[in-house]
Amino acid sequence: MIEKFIRKGTPGQLDSICVELFAPKTLQDVATDRFSNFVVQRALEYTKGQKQANLIQKVLDISNQLRNYKYGKFVLNCVEKVKKSN
């Protein structure tokens, strides 16, 4: 449901979600979860410009921790895909 909201919401709504989702204490838990890692991936895909660059950097800042988790690796792969498409 949150993924759909990310796709269909306004830019302001997306920003609000990203502030919560990419908070330092939240990001690792969400990015390594079996289901919520998809929310992080959609946020990375649907943001644009400087906002997307900031989110990518936040993921890269914890990349060492994410590499230890199956679903964290999916998020890191998404970051690489997004970077290549820009």
C-alpha atoms as a PDB file:
ATOM      1  CA  MET A   1       0.000   0.000   0.000  1.00  0.00           C
ATOM      2  CA  ILE A   2       2.795   2.429   0.829  1.00  0.00           C
ATOM      3  CA  GLU A   3       4.489   1.559  -2.458  1.00  0.00           C
ATOM      4  CA  LYS A   4       1.343   2.587  -4.315  1.00  0.00           C
ATOM      5  CA  PHE A   5       1.181   5.807  -2.313  1.00  0.00           C
ATOM      6  CA  ILE A   6       4.776   6.558  -3.314  1.00  0.00           C
ATOM      7  CA  ARG A   7       3.893   6.057  -6.974  1.00  0.00           C
ATOM      8  CA  LYS A   8       0.639   8.043  -6.923  1.00  0.00           C
ATOM      9  CA  GLY A   9       1.231  10.668  -4.212  1.00  0.00           C
ATOM     10  CA  THR A  10       2.128  14.298  -4.717  1.00  0.00           C
ATOM     11  CA  PRO A  11       5.769  15.409  -4.515  1.00  0.00           C
ATOM     12  CA  GLY A  12       5.082  16.871  -1.066  1.00  0.00           C
ATOM     13  CA  GLN A  13       3.613  13.607   0.155  1.00  0.00           C
ATOM     14  CA  LEU A  14       6.590  11.699  -1.222  1.00  0.00           C
ATOM     15  CA  ASP A  15       8.938  14.063   0.603  1.00  0.00           C
ATOM     16  CA  SER A  16       7.085  13.470   3.872  1.00  0.00           C
ATOM     17  CA  ILE A  17       7.305   9.702   3.480  1.00  0.00           C
ATOM     18  CA  CYS A  18      11.001   9.887   2.640  1.00  0.00           C
ATOM     19  CA  VAL A  19      11.777  11.996   5.709  1.00  0.00           C
ATOM     20  CA  GLU A  20      10.334   9.258   7.911  1.00  0.00           C
ATOM     21  CA  LEU A  21      11.583   6.329   5.877  1.00  0.00           C
ATOM     22  CA  PHE A  22      15.155   7.526   5.567  1.00  0.00           C
ATOM     23  CA  ALA A  23      15.592   8.654   9.166  1.00  0.00           C
ATOM     24  CA  PRO A  24      18.878   7.215  10.476  1.00  0.00           C
ATOM     25  CA  LYS A  25      17.262   4.933  13.067  1.00  0.00           C
ATOM     26  CA  THR A  26      14.585   3.708  10.658  1.00  0.00           C
ATOM     27  CA  LEU A  27      16.395   3.118   7.389  1.00  0.00           C
ATOM     28  CA  GLN A  28      18.389   0.025   8.293  1.00  0.00           C
ATOM     29  CA  ASP A  29      15.374  -1.690   9.859  1.00  0.00           C
ATOM     30  CA  VAL A  30      13.153  -0.917   6.886  1.00  0.00           C
ATOM     31  CA  ALA A  31      15.773  -1.691   4.226  1.00  0.00           C
ATOM     32  CA  THR A  32      16.541  -5.120   5.687  1.00  0.00           C
ATOM     33  CA  ASP A  33      12.959  -6.224   6.216  1.00  0.00           C
ATOM     34  CA  ARG A  34      11.458  -8.893   3.979  1.00  0.00           C
ATOM     35  CA  PHE A  35       8.580  -6.681   2.859  1.00  0.00           C
ATOM     36  CA  SER A  36       9.434  -3.075   3.629  1.00  0.00           C
ATOM     37  CA  ASN A  37      12.651  -3.119   1.581  1.00  0.00           C
ATOM     38  CA  PHE A  38      10.389  -2.700  -1.446  1.00  0.00           C
ATOM     39  CA  VAL A  39       9.171   0.613  -0.041  1.00  0.00           C
ATOM     40  CA  VAL A  40      12.750   1.876   0.129  1.00  0.00           C
ATOM     41  CA  GLN A  41      13.357   0.720  -3.434  1.00  0.00           C
ATOM     42  CA  ARG A  42      10.242   2.491  -4.750  1.00  0.00           C
ATOM     43  CA  ALA A  43      11.212   5.677  -2.916  1.00  0.00           C
ATOM     44  CA  LEU A  44      14.645   5.556  -4.540  1.00  0.00           C
ATOM     45  CA  GLU A  45      13.081   5.025  -7.966  1.00  0.00           C
ATOM     46  CA  TYR A  46      10.359   7.675  -7.741  1.00  0.00           C
ATOM     47  CA  THR A  47      12.292  10.570  -6.229  1.00  0.00           C
ATOM     48  CA  LYS A  48      14.200  12.836  -8.570  1.00  0.00           C
ATOM     49  CA  GLY A  49      17.106  15.255  -8.556  1.00  0.00           C
ATOM     50  CA  GLN A  50      18.757  16.320  -5.334  1.00  0.00           C
ATOM     51  CA  LYS A  51      16.197  14.488  -3.183  1.00  0.00           C
ATOM     52  CA  GLN A  52      17.071  11.209  -4.912  1.00  0.00           C
ATOM     53  CA  ALA A  53      20.801  11.920  -4.549  1.00  0.00           C
ATOM     54  CA  ASN A  54      20.329  12.549  -0.817  1.00  0.00           C
ATOM     55  CA  LEU A  55      18.414   9.298  -0.371  1.00  0.00           C
ATOM     56  CA  ILE A  56      21.032   7.349  -2.305  1.00  0.00           C
ATOM     57  CA  GLN A  57      23.729   8.814  -0.079  1.00  0.00           C
ATOM     58  CA  LYS A  58      21.830   7.797   3.062  1.00  0.00           C
ATOM     59  CA  VAL A  59      21.668   4.219   1.801  1.00  0.00           C
ATOM     60  CA  LEU A  60      25.337   4.253   0.855  1.00  0.00           C
ATOM     61  CA  ASP A  61      26.221   5.566   4.331  1.00  0.00           C
ATOM     62  CA  ILE A  62      24.945   2.301   5.822  1.00  0.00           C
ATOM     63  CA  SER A  63      25.937   0.034   2.933  1.00  0.00           C
ATOM     64  CA  ASN A  64      28.366  -1.972   5.078  1.00  0.00           C
ATOM     65  CA  GLN A  65      25.511  -2.962   7.388  1.00  0.00           C
ATOM     66  CA  LEU A  66      23.080  -3.611   4.520  1.00  0.00           C
ATOM     67  CA  ARG A  67      25.494  -6.050   2.859  1.00  0.00           C
ATOM     68  CA  ASN A  68      24.984  -8.399   5.809  1.00  0.00           C
ATOM     69  CA  TYR A  69      21.283  -8.868   5.001  1.00  0.00           C
ATOM     70  CA  LYS A  70      19.597 -10.581   2.075  1.00  0.00           C
ATOM     71  CA  TYR A  71      17.032  -7.795   1.642  1.00  0.00           C
ATOM     72  CA  GLY A  72      19.576  -5.067   2.285  1.00  0.00           C
ATOM     73  CA  LYS A  73      21.439  -6.335  -0.758  1.00  0.00           C
ATOM     74  CA  PHE A  74      18.276  -5.841  -2.830  1.00  0.00           C
ATOM     75  CA  VAL A  75      18.204  -2.187  -1.759  1.00  0.00           C
ATOM     76  CA  LEU A  76      21.875  -1.759  -2.663  1.00  0.00           C
ATOM     77  CA  ASN A  77      21.204  -3.300  -6.078  1.00  0.00           C
ATOM     78  CA  CYS A  78      18.363  -0.835  -6.566  1.00  0.00           C
ATOM     79  CA  VAL A  79      20.724   2.048  -5.753  1.00  0.00           C
ATOM     80  CA  GLU A  80      23.121   0.854  -8.442  1.00  0.00           C
ATOM     81  CA  LYS A  81      20.291   0.530 -10.966  1.00  0.00           C
ATOM     82  CA  VAL A  82      19.011   4.035 -10.175  1.00  0.00           C
ATOM     83  CA  LYS A  83      22.502   5.513 -10.434  1.00  0.00           C
ATOM     84  CA  LYS A  84      22.997   3.893 -13.847  1.00  0.00           C
ATOM     85  CA  SER A  85      19.680   5.196 -15.161  1.00  0.00           C
ATOM     86  CA  ASN A  86      20.591   8.803 -14.320  1.00  0.00           C
END
